[in-house]
Protein backbone atom coordinates (compact mmCIF):
# COMPACT_ATOMS: atom_id res chain seq x y z
CA ASP A 1 -7.58 -0.36 -5.65
CA PHE A 2 -7.16 3.07 -7.82
CA ILE A 3 -6.66 5.37 -5.08
CA ASN A 4 -4.86 3.64 -2.37
CA VAL A 5 -1.84 1.42 -2.38
CA ASP A 6 -1.64 -2.28 -1.63
CA PRO A 7 -0.82 -2.43 1.78
CA ALA A 8 1.69 -5.29 0.88
CA GLN A 9 3.59 -2.80 -1.64
CA GLY A 10 3.97 -0.20 1.40
CA THR A 11 2.51 3.35 0.94
CA PHE A 12 2.04 6.84 -0.74
CA GLN A 13 4.50 7.93 1.56
CA GLU A 14 7.15 5.45 1.41
CA LEU A 15 6.95 5.71 -2.46
CA LYS A 16 7.58 9.41 -2.14
CA ASP A 17 10.21 9.33 -0.28
CA LEU A 18 11.95 6.51 -2.59
CA ILE A 19 11.12 9.29 -5.65
CA ASP A 20 12.80 12.08 -3.23
CA ALA A 21 15.97 10.10 -2.93
CA CYS A 22 15.75 9.83 -6.68
CA HIS A 23 15.22 13.13 -6.96
CA ASP A 24 18.15 14.21 -4.52
CA ARG A 25 21.02 12.27 -6.99
CA GLY A 26 19.08 13.69 -10.19
CA ILE A 27 17.00 10.46 -11.26
CA TYR A 28 13.65 10.82 -12.80
CA VAL A 29 11.12 8.23 -12.15
CA ILE A 30 8.66 7.20 -14.44
CA LEU A 31 5.41 5.06 -13.11
CA ASP A 32 3.94 2.21 -15.15
CA VAL A 33 0.24 2.77 -14.98
CA VAL A 34 -3.00 0.81 -16.29
CA ILE A 35 -6.32 3.15 -17.64
CA ASN A 36 -7.76 0.15 -19.43
CA HIS A 37 -8.53 -2.72 -16.90
CA THR A 38 -7.83 -4.37 -13.41
CA ALA A 39 -8.13 -7.48 -11.66
CA ASP A 40 -10.24 -9.96 -12.48
CA LEU A 41 -13.03 -10.25 -10.36
CA ASN A 42 -16.09 -10.32 -13.08
CA GLY A 43 -16.87 -11.90 -15.96
CA LEU A 44 -19.50 -14.02 -17.96
CA PHE A 45 -20.89 -17.05 -16.28
CA GLY A 46 -23.53 -18.42 -19.42
CA ASN A 47 -24.26 -21.77 -19.78
CA ASN A 48 -20.79 -23.18 -19.86
CA THR A 49 -17.58 -22.44 -18.73
CA ASP A 50 -16.22 -20.95 -22.29
CA ASP A 51 -18.73 -18.17 -22.33
CA ASP A 52 -15.70 -15.56 -20.89
CA ASN A 53 -13.47 -16.83 -23.23
CA GLY A 54 -15.63 -15.69 -26.62
CA TYR A 55 -16.23 -12.13 -27.37
CA TRP A 56 -19.88 -11.18 -27.63
CA ALA A 57 -20.44 -7.89 -29.41
CA ASN A 58 -23.91 -7.12 -27.85
CA GLY A 59 -23.20 -8.11 -24.64
CA ASN A 60 -23.78 -11.12 -22.49
CA ASN A 61 -26.37 -10.83 -19.57
CA SER A 62 -24.37 -13.76 -17.34
CA PHE A 63 -22.55 -11.11 -16.24
CA GLY A 64 -21.36 -11.20 -12.36
CA TRP A 65 -19.06 -10.94 -10.12
CA TRP A 66 -16.87 -14.25 -9.66
CA GLY A 67 -17.51 -14.33 -5.93
CA ASP A 68 -17.75 -12.05 -2.76
CA ARG A 69 -15.13 -9.99 -3.85
CA ARG A 70 -15.82 -6.34 -5.25
CA HIS A 71 -13.35 -3.91 -6.86
CA PRO A 72 -12.83 -1.00 -3.99
CA PHE A 73 -14.85 2.52 -4.95
CA PRO A 74 -14.82 4.17 -7.18
CA PHE A 75 -15.41 1.24 -9.27
CA ASN A 76 -17.23 -1.27 -7.16
CA GLN A 77 -20.33 -1.85 -9.57
CA LEU A 78 -20.51 -3.80 -12.46
CA SER A 79 -22.07 -1.14 -14.43
CA HIS A 80 -18.36 0.47 -14.89
CA PHE A 81 -17.13 -2.38 -16.54
CA HIS A 82 -18.00 -3.83 -20.03
CA ASN A 83 -19.56 -7.02 -20.40
CA ASN A 84 -18.45 -8.19 -23.94
CA GLY A 85 -16.38 -11.06 -22.97
CA THR A 86 -12.86 -11.60 -23.93
CA ILE A 87 -10.52 -9.82 -26.94
CA ASN A 88 -10.22 -12.86 -29.78
CA ASN A 89 -9.17 -10.59 -32.73
CA TRP A 90 -6.98 -8.01 -31.54
CA ASP A 91 -7.24 -5.83 -34.53
CA THR A 92 -11.45 -5.58 -35.06
CA TRP A 93 -13.30 -2.41 -33.79
CA PRO A 94 -14.65 -1.90 -31.58
CA GLU A 95 -13.91 -5.49 -30.08
CA TYR A 96 -10.26 -4.29 -28.82
CA LEU A 97 -12.11 -1.37 -26.67
CA TYR A 98 -14.72 -3.31 -25.35
CA GLY A 99 -13.03 -6.72 -25.12
CA GLN A 100 -10.68 -7.57 -22.02
CA PHE A 101 -7.54 -9.03 -21.89
CA LYS A 102 -7.90 -12.53 -20.56
CA GLY A 103 -7.96 -12.46 -16.96
CA THR A 104 -8.43 -8.98 -16.43
CA ASP A 105 -11.66 -6.60 -15.83
CA ASP A 106 -12.47 -4.18 -18.73
CA LEU A 107 -13.36 -0.75 -17.62
CA ARG A 108 -15.94 1.11 -19.22
CA THR A 109 -13.70 4.11 -20.75
CA ASP A 110 -16.81 4.94 -22.63
CA GLY A 111 -18.74 5.87 -19.56
CA PRO A 112 -18.23 9.48 -17.68
CA HIS A 113 -17.87 7.59 -14.23
CA VAL A 114 -15.00 6.12 -15.10
CA THR A 115 -13.26 8.74 -17.33
CA TYR A 116 -13.71 11.21 -14.31
CA TRP A 117 -12.05 9.01 -11.79
CA ILE A 118 -9.64 7.67 -13.97
CA THR A 119 -8.37 10.92 -14.29
CA GLU A 120 -8.48 11.84 -10.89
CA ALA A 121 -6.83 8.90 -9.77
CA PHE A 122 -3.72 9.65 -11.59
CA LYS A 123 -3.52 12.92 -11.01
CA ASN A 124 -4.13 11.89 -7.12
CA LEU A 125 -0.92 9.89 -8.16
CA ILE A 126 0.96 12.69 -9.13
CA ASP A 127 -0.20 14.65 -6.19
CA ALA A 128 1.12 11.88 -3.49
CA THR A 129 4.39 10.99 -5.10
CA ASP A 130 5.98 13.79 -7.22
CA CYS A 131 6.62 11.03 -9.61
CA ASP A 132 7.85 12.69 -13.15
CA GLY A 133 5.69 10.88 -15.94
CA PHE A 134 3.72 7.82 -16.45
CA ARG A 135 4.20 4.85 -18.94
CA VAL A 136 1.02 4.29 -19.69
CA ASP A 137 -0.44 0.81 -20.66
CA ALA A 138 -2.90 -0.41 -23.19
CA ILE A 139 -3.64 2.75 -24.78
CA LYS A 140 -5.00 0.85 -27.68
CA HIS A 141 -7.57 -0.09 -25.88
CA VAL A 142 -9.37 2.65 -24.97
CA GLU A 143 -10.90 5.39 -26.96
CA PHE A 144 -9.01 7.66 -29.13
CA ILE A 145 -10.91 11.03 -28.08
CA TRP A 146 -11.18 10.78 -24.49
CA VAL A 147 -7.31 8.86 -23.88
CA ILE A 148 -5.51 12.30 -26.08
CA LYS A 149 -7.95 14.16 -23.52
CA TRP A 150 -6.78 12.19 -20.33
CA ALA A 151 -3.48 12.69 -21.30
CA ASP A 152 -3.71 16.57 -21.85
CA ASP A 153 -5.48 16.79 -18.21
CA ILE A 154 -2.77 14.82 -16.80
CA ARG A 155 -0.08 17.01 -18.01
CA LYS A 156 -1.96 20.34 -17.51
CA HIS A 157 -2.05 19.01 -13.95
CA ALA A 158 1.20 18.04 -13.43
CA ALA A 159 1.98 21.77 -14.75
CA SER A 160 -0.06 23.11 -12.01
CA ARG A 161 2.01 20.89 -9.59
CA GLY A 162 4.96 23.18 -10.90
CA LYS A 163 6.38 19.50 -13.29
CA ASN A 164 6.30 21.39 -16.75
CA ASP A 165 7.93 18.46 -18.08
CA PHE A 166 6.16 15.77 -17.03
CA LEU A 167 6.48 12.49 -19.51
CA LEU A 168 3.68 10.65 -20.94
CA PHE A 169 4.86 7.18 -22.65
CA GLY A 170 1.97 5.60 -24.28
CA GLU A 171 2.40 1.23 -25.18
CA TYR A 172 0.24 1.01 -28.20
CA PHE A 173 0.85 -2.57 -29.79
CA THR A 174 0.81 -2.00 -33.45
CA TYR A 175 3.02 -1.97 -36.23
CA ASP A 176 1.53 1.13 -38.45
CA ASN A 177 3.57 4.20 -38.00
CA ASN A 178 0.45 6.31 -38.90
CA THR A 179 -1.54 5.01 -36.00
CA LEU A 180 1.61 5.63 -33.53
CA ALA A 181 2.13 9.01 -35.05
CA SER A 182 -1.90 10.25 -34.54
CA HIS A 183 -1.00 9.31 -30.78
CA VAL A 184 2.15 11.55 -30.42
CA LYS A 185 1.53 15.14 -31.27
CA ASP A 186 3.19 16.78 -28.13
CA PRO A 187 1.93 18.97 -26.46
CA GLY A 188 -1.95 17.71 -26.05
CA SER A 189 -0.99 13.95 -26.21
CA PHE A 190 1.96 11.73 -25.45
CA ASN A 191 5.36 12.50 -25.85
CA SER A 192 6.23 9.20 -27.19
CA ALA A 193 5.53 5.62 -27.62
CA LEU A 194 6.95 2.42 -28.23
CA PHE A 195 8.12 1.72 -31.56
CA PHE A 196 6.79 -1.82 -31.95
CA PRO A 197 7.59 -0.88 -36.25
CA MET A 198 11.19 -1.08 -35.40
CA SER A 199 10.97 -4.46 -33.60
CA GLN A 200 9.54 -6.26 -37.05
CA THR A 201 12.62 -3.96 -38.62
CA ILE A 202 15.34 -5.91 -36.14
CA LYS A 203 13.52 -9.30 -36.95
CA ASN A 204 14.01 -8.53 -40.74
CA VAL A 205 17.96 -7.65 -40.38
CA PHE A 206 18.95 -9.99 -37.39
CA ILE A 207 16.74 -13.21 -37.60
CA ASP A 208 16.00 -13.16 -41.28
CA GLY A 209 19.01 -12.06 -42.61
CA GLN A 210 17.70 -8.93 -44.91
CA GLY A 211 19.69 -5.60 -45.68
CA SER A 212 21.01 -3.73 -42.49
CA GLY A 213 20.18 -0.79 -44.54
CA GLN A 214 16.36 -1.16 -43.07
CA LEU A 215 18.02 0.15 -39.71
CA THR A 216 18.75 3.35 -41.17
CA GLY A 217 16.63 6.74 -41.81
């Protein structure tokens, strides 16, 4: 539910009280958010149980709800999700945009209904909690032009609430520096991103025994 809090986790007010207490102690609070996918309530039935595990470039007409449960408004219709099955080739376009992570439902972030409500939902989260930033999951798997606009809209909304240093920290799984750099052009996009190329450098030096000079520069 992108609009409300899972009752098992408490309430917005309780989260705000926690964040207020952190602010009183000089602590900033960054919330981890997801804009690409949600819980697994729908998928591909097809002629066998493996259809949902494959990727269907042109979609699959066997798309439906697994059972009686539905996602809450605003994502309570099948038309709000891609019907392409599961990503198998993680660096193949547009598979990594239209396919789902195994075990999740892939939001149709190429459609206006979804993009509007994803933006509104996280403006609401700022308003309800007074948090100081977002760590944004899986930004590789949503459209570049939209996610940059989303980041700009979120930053501007935070500024309208008096939060001029709202942090947007993206998770884009790639070892390519140029791809990461394209998403990190503050102001107007993400302030920073997880630096996966460094993980390869650390592996080279500390596991494969290559020169420590790779850690400089």
